Structures are given as structure tokens and as C-alpha cells.
Amino acid sequence: LPVEVLARRDRAALSFGPLRPVGLTDPRTGRRPHAVVQL
């Protein structure tokens, strides 16, 4: 699905889908981010 279609279904959908932050820690804060875009 295109990201805009996912976002239209639910504002939180991306953070539980392609932007899910599980397993990652931001070294600047030492905490898990709310969402993460991976490249």
C-alpha cells in the first residue's frame, strides 16, 4: 500500500507498519523513537 493510503486509514497506521520503531534506540536520547523511517 502507498504510505498516503495507510495514513488515510488510520493516523497511527504508519507507526505500526513501515515506520514501526521496535528494536531501535535513538543514540541521541537513549530511548526508542515514536516512529522511524529506515533507509
PDB file of all heavy atoms in Angstrom:
ATOM      1  N   LEU A   1       0.821  -1.203   0.000  1.00  0.00           N
ATOM      2  CA  LEU A   1       0.000   0.000   0.000  1.00  0.00           C
ATOM      3  C   LEU A   1       0.862   1.262   0.000  1.00  0.00           C
ATOM      4  O   LEU A   1       1.854   1.336   0.725  1.00  0.00           O
ATOM      5  CB  LEU A   1      -0.898   0.009   1.231  1.00  0.00           C
ATOM      6  CG  LEU A   1      -2.061  -0.978   1.232  1.00  0.00           C
ATOM      7  CD1 LEU A   1      -2.735  -0.974   2.593  1.00  0.00           C
ATOM      8  CD2 LEU A   1      -3.062  -0.631   0.147  1.00  0.00           C
ATOM      9  N   PRO A   2       0.472   2.289  -0.750  1.00  0.00           N
ATOM     10  CA  PRO A   2       1.158   3.575  -0.649  1.00  0.00           C
ATOM     11  C   PRO A   2       1.023   4.142   0.765  1.00  0.00           C
ATOM     12  O   PRO A   2       0.017   3.930   1.447  1.00  0.00           O
ATOM     13  CB  PRO A   2       0.414   4.448  -1.672  1.00  0.00           C
ATOM     14  CG  PRO A   2      -0.209   3.480  -2.625  1.00  0.00           C
ATOM     15  CD  PRO A   2      -0.560   2.282  -1.805  1.00  0.00           C
ATOM     16  N   VAL A   3       2.035   4.894   1.208  1.00  0.00           N
ATOM     17  CA  VAL A   3       2.020   5.410   2.575  1.00  0.00           C
ATOM     18  C   VAL A   3       0.835   6.337   2.807  1.00  0.00           C
ATOM     19  O   VAL A   3       0.271   6.364   3.912  1.00  0.00           O
ATOM     20  CB  VAL A   3       3.346   6.123   2.912  1.00  0.00           C
ATOM     21  CG1 VAL A   3       4.463   5.112   3.065  1.00  0.00           C
ATOM     22  CG2 VAL A   3       3.699   7.178   1.866  1.00  0.00           C
ATOM     23  N   GLU A   4       0.436   7.092   1.784  1.00  0.00           N
ATOM     24  CA  GLU A   4      -0.686   8.003   1.980  1.00  0.00           C
ATOM     25  C   GLU A   4      -2.007   7.255   2.164  1.00  0.00           C
ATOM     26  O   GLU A   4      -2.905   7.719   2.865  1.00  0.00           O
ATOM     27  CB  GLU A   4      -0.785   9.005   0.820  1.00  0.00           C
ATOM     28  CG  GLU A   4      -1.023   8.411  -0.560  1.00  0.00           C
ATOM     29  CD  GLU A   4       0.255   8.043  -1.297  1.00  0.00           C
ATOM     30  OE1 GLU A   4       1.329   7.974  -0.641  1.00  0.00           O
ATOM     31  OE2 GLU A   4       0.171   7.830  -2.511  1.00  0.00           O
ATOM     32  N   VAL A   5      -2.113   6.080   1.548  1.00  0.00           N
ATOM     33  CA  VAL A   5      -3.320   5.272   1.731  1.00  0.00           C
ATOM     34  C   VAL A   5      -3.363   4.704   3.148  1.00  0.00           C
ATOM     35  O   VAL A   5      -4.408   4.722   3.810  1.00  0.00           O
ATOM     36  CB  VAL A   5      -3.364   4.128   0.688  1.00  0.00           C
ATOM     37  CG1 VAL A   5      -4.521   3.182   0.970  1.00  0.00           C
ATOM     38  CG2 VAL A   5      -3.491   4.714  -0.711  1.00  0.00           C
ATOM     39  N   LEU A   6      -2.218   4.233   3.630  1.00  0.00           N
ATOM     40  CA  LEU A   6      -2.154   3.751   5.006  1.00  0.00           C
ATOM     41  C   LEU A   6      -2.513   4.858   5.990  1.00  0.00           C
ATOM     42  O   LEU A   6      -3.277   4.640   6.946  1.00  0.00           O
ATOM     43  CB  LEU A   6      -0.747   3.231   5.309  1.00  0.00           C
ATOM     44  CG  LEU A   6      -0.426   1.793   4.910  1.00  0.00           C
ATOM     45  CD1 LEU A   6       1.058   1.522   5.096  1.00  0.00           C
ATOM     46  CD2 LEU A   6      -1.242   0.810   5.728  1.00  0.00           C
ATOM     47  N   ALA A   7      -1.974   6.041   5.785  1.00  0.00           N
ATOM     48  CA  ALA A   7      -2.234   7.147   6.706  1.00  0.00           C
ATOM     49  C   ALA A   7      -3.700   7.556   6.697  1.00  0.00           C
ATOM     50  O   ALA A   7      -4.240   7.954   7.732  1.00  0.00           O
ATOM     51  CB  ALA A   7      -1.349   8.340   6.351  1.00  0.00           C
ATOM     52  N   ARG A   8      -4.348   7.473   5.539  1.00  0.00           N
ATOM     53  CA  ARG A   8      -5.769   7.818   5.474  1.00  0.00           C
ATOM     54  C   ARG A   8      -6.621   6.822   6.248  1.00  0.00           C
ATOM     55  O   ARG A   8      -7.673   7.173   6.779  1.00  0.00           O
ATOM     56  CB  ARG A   8      -6.241   7.885   4.013  1.00  0.00           C
ATOM     57  CG  ARG A   8      -5.946   9.212   3.347  1.00  0.00           C
ATOM     58  CD  ARG A   8      -6.779   9.401   2.085  1.00  0.00           C
ATOM     59  NE  ARG A   8      -6.421   8.446   1.047  1.00  0.00           N
ATOM     60  CZ  ARG A   8      -5.480   8.651   0.132  1.00  0.00           C
ATOM     61  NH1 ARG A   8      -4.778   9.781   0.148  1.00  0.00           N
ATOM     62  NH2 ARG A   8      -5.226   7.744  -0.778  1.00  0.00           N
ATOM     63  N   ARG A   9      -6.182   5.572   6.304  1.00  0.00           N
ATOM     64  CA  ARG A   9      -6.948   4.569   7.037  1.00  0.00           C
ATOM     65  C   ARG A   9      -6.907   4.828   8.535  1.00  0.00           C
ATOM     66  O   ARG A   9      -7.908   4.650   9.233  1.00  0.00           O
ATOM     67  CB  ARG A   9      -6.394   3.176   6.733  1.00  0.00           C
ATOM     68  CG  ARG A   9      -6.673   2.710   5.320  1.00  0.00           C
ATOM     69  CD  ARG A   9      -6.174   1.299   5.114  1.00  0.00           C
ATOM     70  NE  ARG A   9      -6.585   0.766   3.823  1.00  0.00           N
ATOM     71  CZ  ARG A   9      -6.335  -0.474   3.410  1.00  0.00           C
ATOM     72  NH1 ARG A   9      -5.683  -1.307   4.207  1.00  0.00           N
ATOM     73  NH2 ARG A   9      -6.742  -0.879   2.245  1.00  0.00           N
ATOM     74  N   ASP A  10      -5.730   5.226   9.030  1.00  0.00           N
ATOM     75  CA  ASP A  10      -5.564   5.488  10.459  1.00  0.00           C
ATOM     76  C   ASP A  10      -4.282   6.294  10.633  1.00  0.00           C
ATOM     77  O   ASP A  10      -3.231   5.906  10.119  1.00  0.00           O
ATOM     78  CB  ASP A  10      -5.478   4.173  11.237  1.00  0.00           C
ATOM     79  CG  ASP A  10      -5.549   4.372  12.736  1.00  0.00           C
ATOM     80  OD1 ASP A  10      -4.749   5.179  13.270  1.00  0.00           O
ATOM     81  OD2 ASP A  10      -6.375   3.723  13.389  1.00  0.00           O
ATOM     82  N   ARG A  11      -4.363   7.389  11.373  1.00  0.00           N
ATOM     83  CA  ARG A  11      -3.189   8.253  11.536  1.00  0.00           C
ATOM     84  C   ARG A  11      -2.014   7.504  12.167  1.00  0.00           C
ATOM     85  O   ARG A  11      -0.849   7.842  11.927  1.00  0.00           O
ATOM     86  CB  ARG A  11      -3.540   9.464  12.392  1.00  0.00           C
ATOM     87  CG  ARG A  11      -4.396  10.505  11.693  1.00  0.00           C
ATOM     88  CD  ARG A  11      -4.650  11.692  12.625  1.00  0.00           C
ATOM     89  NE  ARG A  11      -3.403  12.330  13.018  1.00  0.00           N
ATOM     90  CZ  ARG A  11      -2.799  13.287  12.331  1.00  0.00           C
ATOM     91  NH1 ARG A  11      -3.321  13.720  11.184  1.00  0.00           N
ATOM     92  NH2 ARG A  11      -1.676  13.829  12.765  1.00  0.00           N
ATOM     93  N   ALA A  12      -2.305   6.499  12.983  1.00  0.00           N
ATOM     94  CA  ALA A  12      -1.235   5.755  13.653  1.00  0.00           C
ATOM     95  C   ALA A  12      -0.728   4.578  12.837  1.00  0.00           C
ATOM     96  O   ALA A  12       0.227   3.908  13.244  1.00  0.00           O
ATOM     97  CB  ALA A  12      -1.717   5.266  15.020  1.00  0.00           C
ATOM     98  N   ALA A  13      -1.346   4.312  11.692  1.00  0.00           N
ATOM     99  CA  ALA A  13      -1.038   3.089  10.939  1.00  0.00           C
ATOM    100  C   ALA A  13       0.430   2.995  10.545  1.00  0.00           C
ATOM    101  O   ALA A  13       1.042   1.927  10.613  1.00  0.00           O
ATOM    102  CB  ALA A  13      -1.925   3.002   9.705  1.00  0.00           C
ATOM    103  N   LEU A  14       1.031   4.101  10.116  1.00  0.00           N
ATOM    104  CA  LEU A  14       2.424   4.059   9.673  1.00  0.00           C
ATOM    105  C   LEU A  14       3.370   3.700  10.815  1.00  0.00           C
ATOM    106  O   LEU A  14       4.366   3.004  10.614  1.00  0.00           O
ATOM    107  CB  LEU A  14       2.823   5.396   9.066  1.00  0.00           C
ATOM    108  CG  LEU A  14       2.154   5.769   7.735  1.00  0.00           C
ATOM    109  CD1 LEU A  14       2.521   7.187   7.333  1.00  0.00           C
ATOM    110  CD2 LEU A  14       2.543   4.784   6.650  1.00  0.00           C
ATOM    111  N   SER A  15       3.058   4.170  12.027  1.00  0.00           N
ATOM    112  CA  SER A  15       3.937   3.899  13.170  1.00  0.00           C
ATOM    113  C   SER A  15       3.862   2.451  13.619  1.00  0.00           C
ATOM    114  O   SER A  15       4.708   1.981  14.381  1.00  0.00           O
ATOM    115  CB  SER A  15       3.602   4.829  14.346  1.00  0.00           C
ATOM    116  OG  SER A  15       2.280   4.607  14.812  1.00  0.00           O
ATOM    117  N   PHE A  16       2.836   1.722  13.144  1.00  0.00           N
ATOM    118  CA  PHE A  16       2.738   0.292  13.418  1.00  0.00           C
ATOM    119  C   PHE A  16       3.085  -0.536  12.175  1.00  0.00           C
ATOM    120  O   PHE A  16       3.058  -1.755  12.219  1.00  0.00           O
ATOM    121  CB  PHE A  16       1.325  -0.072  13.890  1.00  0.00           C
ATOM    122  CG  PHE A  16       1.018   0.434  15.266  1.00  0.00           C
ATOM    123  CD1 PHE A  16       0.368   1.646  15.447  1.00  0.00           C
ATOM    124  CD2 PHE A  16       1.399  -0.289  16.388  1.00  0.00           C
ATOM    125  CE1 PHE A  16       0.088   2.120  16.717  1.00  0.00           C
ATOM    126  CE2 PHE A  16       1.136   0.168  17.660  1.00  0.00           C
ATOM    127  CZ  PHE A  16       0.477   1.386  17.831  1.00  0.00           C
ATOM    128  N   GLY A  17       3.400   0.159  11.082  1.00  0.00           N
ATOM    129  CA  GLY A  17       3.736  -0.515   9.833  1.00  0.00           C
ATOM    130  C   GLY A  17       5.147  -0.208   9.408  1.00  0.00           C
ATOM    131  O   GLY A  17       6.105  -0.528  10.126  1.00  0.00           O
ATOM    132  N   PRO A  18       5.350   0.470   8.263  1.00  0.00           N
ATOM    133  CA  PRO A  18       6.715   0.709   7.772  1.00  0.00           C
ATOM    134  C   PRO A  18       7.551   1.621   8.659  1.00  0.00           C
ATOM    135  O   PRO A  18       8.772   1.622   8.551  1.00  0.00           O
ATOM    136  CB  PRO A  18       6.484   1.337   6.389  1.00  0.00           C
ATOM    137  CG  PRO A  18       5.091   1.870   6.425  1.00  0.00           C
ATOM    138  CD  PRO A  18       4.323   0.950   7.314  1.00  0.00           C
ATOM    139  N   LEU A  19       6.913   2.394   9.560  1.00  0.00           N
ATOM    140  CA  LEU A  19       7.665   3.298  10.438  1.00  0.00           C
ATOM    141  C   LEU A  19       7.744   2.770  11.877  1.00  0.00           C
ATOM    142  O   LEU A  19       8.057   3.522  12.794  1.00  0.00           O
ATOM    143  CB  LEU A  19       7.031   4.699  10.448  1.00  0.00           C
ATOM    144  CG  LEU A  19       7.472   5.666   9.338  1.00  0.00           C
ATOM    145  CD1 LEU A  19       7.017   5.162   7.986  1.00  0.00           C
ATOM    146  CD2 LEU A  19       6.908   7.052   9.587  1.00  0.00           C
ATOM    147  N   ARG A  20       7.471   1.492  12.070  1.00  0.00           N
ATOM    148  CA  ARG A  20       7.491   0.966  13.438  1.00  0.00           C
ATOM    149  C   ARG A  20       8.912   1.073  14.021  1.00  0.00           C
ATOM    150  O   ARG A  20       9.894   0.738  13.360  1.00  0.00           O
ATOM    151  CB  ARG A  20       7.010  -0.480  13.474  1.00  0.00           C
ATOM    152  CG  ARG A  20       7.880  -1.470  12.725  1.00  0.00           C
ATOM    153  CD  ARG A  20       7.179  -2.823  12.606  1.00  0.00           C
ATOM    154  NE  ARG A  20       8.022  -3.804  11.952  1.00  0.00           N
ATOM    155  CZ  ARG A  20       8.187  -3.905  10.642  1.00  0.00           C
ATOM    156  NH1 ARG A  20       7.556  -3.057   9.842  1.00  0.00           N
ATOM    157  NH2 ARG A  20       8.957  -4.834  10.114  1.00  0.00           N
ATOM    158  N   PRO A  21       9.030   1.509  15.275  1.00  0.00           N
ATOM    159  CA  PRO A  21      10.349   1.766  15.859  1.00  0.00           C
ATOM    160  C   PRO A  21      10.914   0.622  16.684  1.00  0.00           C
ATOM    161  O   PRO A  21      11.971   0.768  17.286  1.00  0.00           O
ATOM    162  CB  PRO A  21      10.062   2.968  16.761  1.00  0.00           C
ATOM    163  CG  PRO A  21       8.661   2.727  17.241  1.00  0.00           C
ATOM    164  CD  PRO A  21       7.934   2.040  16.108  1.00  0.00           C
ATOM    165  N   VAL A  22      10.222  -0.519  16.725  1.00  0.00           N
ATOM    166  CA  VAL A  22      10.646  -1.599  17.618  1.00  0.00           C
ATOM    167  C   VAL A  22      12.068  -2.063  17.290  1.00  0.00           C
ATOM    168  O   VAL A  22      12.473  -2.114  16.128  1.00  0.00           O
ATOM    169  CB  VAL A  22       9.677  -2.803  17.540  1.00  0.00           C
ATOM    170  CG1 VAL A  22       8.306  -2.417  18.058  1.00  0.00           C
ATOM    171  CG2 VAL A  22       9.572  -3.330  16.109  1.00  0.00           C
ATOM    172  N   GLY A  23      12.818  -2.358  18.342  1.00  0.00           N
ATOM    173  CA  GLY A  23      14.175  -2.867  18.177  1.00  0.00           C
ATOM    174  C   GLY A  23      15.211  -1.819  17.867  1.00  0.00           C
ATOM    175  O   GLY A  23      16.347  -2.151  17.534  1.00  0.00           O
ATOM    176  N   LEU A  24      14.852  -0.534  17.979  1.00  0.00           N
ATOM    177  CA  LEU A  24      15.782   0.542  17.653  1.00  0.00           C
ATOM    178  C   LEU A  24      15.836   1.553  18.804  1.00  0.00           C
ATOM    179  O   LEU A  24      14.809   1.853  19.422  1.00  0.00           O
ATOM    180  CB  LEU A  24      15.356   1.252  16.363  1.00  0.00           C
ATOM    181  CG  LEU A  24      15.447   0.421  15.079  1.00  0.00           C
ATOM    182  CD1 LEU A  24      14.712   1.111  13.951  1.00  0.00           C
ATOM    183  CD2 LEU A  24      16.903   0.164  14.706  1.00  0.00           C
ATOM    184  N   THR A  25      17.021   2.066  19.064  1.00  0.00           N
ATOM    185  CA  THR A  25      17.225   3.078  20.093  1.00  0.00           C
ATOM    186  C   THR A  25      17.945   4.267  19.482  1.00  0.00           C
ATOM    187  O   THR A  25      18.994   4.106  18.841  1.00  0.00           O
ATOM    188  CB  THR A  25      18.057   2.528  21.263  1.00  0.00           C
ATOM    189  OG1 THR A  25      17.369   1.399  21.834  1.00  0.00           O
ATOM    190  CG2 THR A  25      18.273   3.577  22.332  1.00  0.00           C
ATOM    191  N   ASP A  26      17.382   5.450  19.666  1.00  0.00           N
ATOM    192  CA  ASP A  26      17.998   6.674  19.160  1.00  0.00           C
ATOM    193  C   ASP A  26      19.206   6.998  20.052  1.00  0.00           C
ATOM    194  O   ASP A  26      19.041   7.247  21.250  1.00  0.00           O
ATOM    195  CB  ASP A  26      16.985   7.810  19.205  1.00  0.00           C
ATOM    196  CG  ASP A  26      17.512   9.094  18.571  1.00  0.00           C
ATOM    197  OD1 ASP A  26      18.732   9.196  18.340  1.00  0.00           O
ATOM    198  OD2 ASP A  26      16.691   9.991  18.308  1.00  0.00           O
ATOM    199  N   PRO A  27      20.428   6.996  19.509  1.00  0.00           N
ATOM    200  CA  PRO A  27      21.607   7.250  20.348  1.00  0.00           C
ATOM    201  C   PRO A  27      21.630   8.652  20.954  1.00  0.00           C
ATOM    202  O   PRO A  27      22.300   8.885  21.953  1.00  0.00           O
ATOM    203  CB  PRO A  27      22.779   7.046  19.376  1.00  0.00           C
ATOM    204  CG  PRO A  27      22.205   7.225  18.016  1.00  0.00           C
ATOM    205  CD  PRO A  27      20.794   6.756  18.101  1.00  0.00           C
ATOM    206  N   ARG A  28      20.869   9.588  20.375  1.00  0.00           N
ATOM    207  CA  ARG A  28      20.842  10.942  20.937  1.00  0.00           C
ATOM    208  C   ARG A  28      20.053  11.003  22.242  1.00  0.00           C
ATOM    209  O   ARG A  28      20.344  11.808  23.114  1.00  0.00           O
ATOM    210  CB  ARG A  28      20.218  11.913  19.932  1.00  0.00           C
ATOM    211  CG  ARG A  28      21.006  12.096  18.637  1.00  0.00           C
ATOM    212  CD  ARG A  28      20.276  13.091  17.738  1.00  0.00           C
ATOM    213  NE  ARG A  28      18.903  12.664  17.495  1.00  0.00           N
ATOM    214  CZ  ARG A  28      17.928  13.455  17.072  1.00  0.00           C
ATOM    215  NH1 ARG A  28      18.170  14.747  16.853  1.00  0.00           N
ATOM    216  NH2 ARG A  28      16.707  12.989  16.849  1.00  0.00           N
ATOM    217  N   THR A  29      19.018  10.163  22.360  1.00  0.00           N
ATOM    218  CA  THR A  29      18.146  10.218  23.538  1.00  0.00           C
ATOM    219  C   THR A  29      18.276   8.989  24.428  1.00  0.00           C
ATOM    220  O   THR A  29      17.865   9.022  25.585  1.00  0.00           O
ATOM    221  CB  THR A  29      16.681  10.344  23.096  1.00  0.00           C
ATOM    222  OG1 THR A  29      16.300   9.145  22.377  1.00  0.00           O
ATOM    223  CG2 THR A  29      16.485  11.552  22.181  1.00  0.00           C
ATOM    224  N   GLY A  30      18.800   7.889  23.854  1.00  0.00           N
ATOM    225  CA  GLY A  30      18.856   6.638  24.606  1.00  0.00           C
ATOM    226  C   GLY A  30      17.507   5.967  24.730  1.00  0.00           C
ATOM    227  O   GLY A  30      17.365   4.991  25.490  1.00  0.00           O
ATOM    228  N   ARG A  31      16.503   6.435  23.972  1.00  0.00           N
ATOM    229  CA  ARG A  31      15.162   5.869  24.048  1.00  0.00           C
ATOM    230  C   ARG A  31      14.693   5.431  22.647  1.00  0.00           C
ATOM    231  O   ARG A  31      15.234   5.856  21.635  1.00  0.00           O
ATOM    232  CB  ARG A  31      14.170   6.888  24.615  1.00  0.00           C
ATOM    233  CG  ARG A  31      14.470   7.333  26.045  1.00  0.00           C
ATOM    234  CD  ARG A  31      13.310   8.135  26.622  1.00  0.00           C
ATOM    235  NE  ARG A  31      13.014   9.313  25.819  1.00  0.00           N
ATOM    236  CZ  ARG A  31      13.582  10.500  25.989  1.00  0.00           C
ATOM    237  NH1 ARG A  31      14.521  10.658  26.925  1.00  0.00           N
ATOM    238  NH2 ARG A  31      13.261  11.525  25.222  1.00  0.00           N
ATOM    239  N   ARG A  32      13.659   4.634  22.667  1.00  0.00           N
ATOM    240  CA  ARG A  32      13.051   4.234  21.403  1.00  0.00           C
ATOM    241  C   ARG A  32      12.243   5.405  20.840  1.00  0.00           C
ATOM    242  O   ARG A  32      11.440   6.007  21.560  1.00  0.00           O
ATOM    243  CB  ARG A  32      12.131   3.023  21.602  1.00  0.00           C
ATOM    244  CG  ARG A  32      11.594   2.452  20.295  1.00  0.00           C
ATOM    245  CD  ARG A  32      10.820   1.166  20.514  1.00  0.00           C
ATOM    246  NE  ARG A  32       9.460   1.404  20.994  1.00  0.00           N
ATOM    247  CZ  ARG A  32       8.547   0.463  21.173  1.00  0.00           C
ATOM    248  NH1 ARG A  32       8.882  -0.802  20.951  1.00  0.00           N
ATOM    249  NH2 ARG A  32       7.339   0.749  21.620  1.00  0.00           N
ATOM    250  N   PRO A  33      12.415   5.760  19.557  1.00  0.00           N
ATOM    251  CA  PRO A  33      11.649   6.865  18.971  1.00  0.00           C
ATOM    252  C   PRO A  33      10.167   6.503  18.857  1.00  0.00           C
ATOM    253  O   PRO A  33       9.772   5.344  18.971  1.00  0.00           O
ATOM    254  CB  PRO A  33      12.282   7.036  17.583  1.00  0.00           C
ATOM    255  CG  PRO A  33      13.574   6.281  17.634  1.00  0.00           C
ATOM    256  CD  PRO A  33      13.379   5.180  18.620  1.00  0.00           C
ATOM    257  N   HIS A  34       9.361   7.514  18.593  1.00  0.00           N
ATOM    258  CA  HIS A  34       7.936   7.259  18.357  1.00  0.00           C
ATOM    259  C   HIS A  34       7.730   6.549  17.021  1.00  0.00           C
ATOM    260  O   HIS A  34       6.859   5.688  16.892  1.00  0.00           O
ATOM    261  CB  HIS A  34       7.163   8.583  18.362  1.00  0.00           C
ATOM    262  CG  HIS A  34       5.694   8.404  18.126  1.00  0.00           C
ATOM    263  ND1 HIS A  34       4.829   7.954  19.101  1.00  0.00           N
ATOM    264  CD2 HIS A  34       4.937   8.609  17.009  1.00  0.00           C
ATOM    265  CE1 HIS A  34       3.612   7.889  18.613  1.00  0.00           C
ATOM    266  NE2 HIS A  34       3.645   8.277  17.336  1.00  0.00           N
ATOM    267  N   ALA A  35       8.545   6.897  16.043  1.00  0.00           N
ATOM    268  CA  ALA A  35       8.492   6.273  14.712  1.00  0.00           C
ATOM    269  C   ALA A  35       9.871   6.388  14.075  1.00  0.00           C
ATOM    270  O   ALA A  35      10.661   7.262  14.456  1.00  0.00           O
ATOM    271  CB  ALA A  35       7.435   6.930  13.838  1.00  0.00           C
ATOM    272  N   VAL A  36      10.160   5.530  13.134  1.00  0.00           N
ATOM    273  CA  VAL A  36      11.468   5.526  12.466  1.00  0.00           C
ATOM    274  C   VAL A  36      11.283   5.250  10.984  1.00  0.00           C
ATOM    275  O   VAL A  36      10.595   4.297  10.599  1.00  0.00           O
ATOM    276  CB  VAL A  36      12.418   4.463  13.061  1.00  0.00           C
ATOM    277  CG1 VAL A  36      13.644   4.285  12.171  1.00  0.00           C
ATOM    278  CG2 VAL A  36      12.850   4.847  14.456  1.00  0.00           C
ATOM    279  N   VAL A  37      11.881   6.084  10.159  1.00  0.00           N
ATOM    280  CA  VAL A  37      11.965   5.812   8.727  1.00  0.00           C
ATOM    281  C   VAL A  37      13.309   5.146   8.466  1.00  0.00           C
ATOM    282  O   VAL A  37      14.358   5.718   8.773  1.00  0.00           O
ATOM    283  CB  VAL A  37      11.842   7.108   7.910  1.00  0.00           C
ATOM    284  CG1 VAL A  37      12.034   6.813   6.422  1.00  0.00           C
ATOM    285  CG2 VAL A  37      10.491   7.768   8.158  1.00  0.00           C
ATOM    286  N   GLN A  38      13.283   3.928   7.908  1.00  0.00           N
ATOM    287  CA  GLN A  38      14.527   3.215   7.614  1.00  0.00           C
ATOM    288  C   GLN A  38      14.900   3.371   6.147  1.00  0.00           C
ATOM    289  O   GLN A  38      14.031   3.382   5.266  1.00  0.00           O
ATOM    290  CB  GLN A  38      14.398   1.735   7.964  1.00  0.00           C
ATOM    291  CG  GLN A  38      14.437   1.442   9.452  1.00  0.00           C
ATOM    292  CD  GLN A  38      14.817  -0.009   9.727  1.00  0.00           C
ATOM    293  OE1 GLN A  38      14.205  -0.938   9.218  1.00  0.00           O
ATOM    294  NE2 GLN A  38      15.837  -0.199  10.542  1.00  0.00           N
ATOM    295  N   LEU A  39      16.206   3.467   5.905  1.00  0.00           N
ATOM    296  CA  LEU A  39      16.731   3.514   4.548  1.00  0.00           C
ATOM    297  C   LEU A  39      17.704   2.352   4.365  1.00  0.00           C
ATOM    298  O   LEU A  39      18.540   2.101   5.224  1.00  0.00           O
ATOM    299  CB  LEU A  39      17.436   4.842   4.276  1.00  0.00           C
ATOM    300  CG  LEU A  39      16.538   6.081   4.351  1.00  0.00           C
ATOM    301  CD1 LEU A  39      16.736   6.778   5.687  1.00  0.00           C
ATOM    302  CD2 LEU A  39      16.828   7.030   3.208  1.00  0.00           C
TER     303      LEU A  39
END
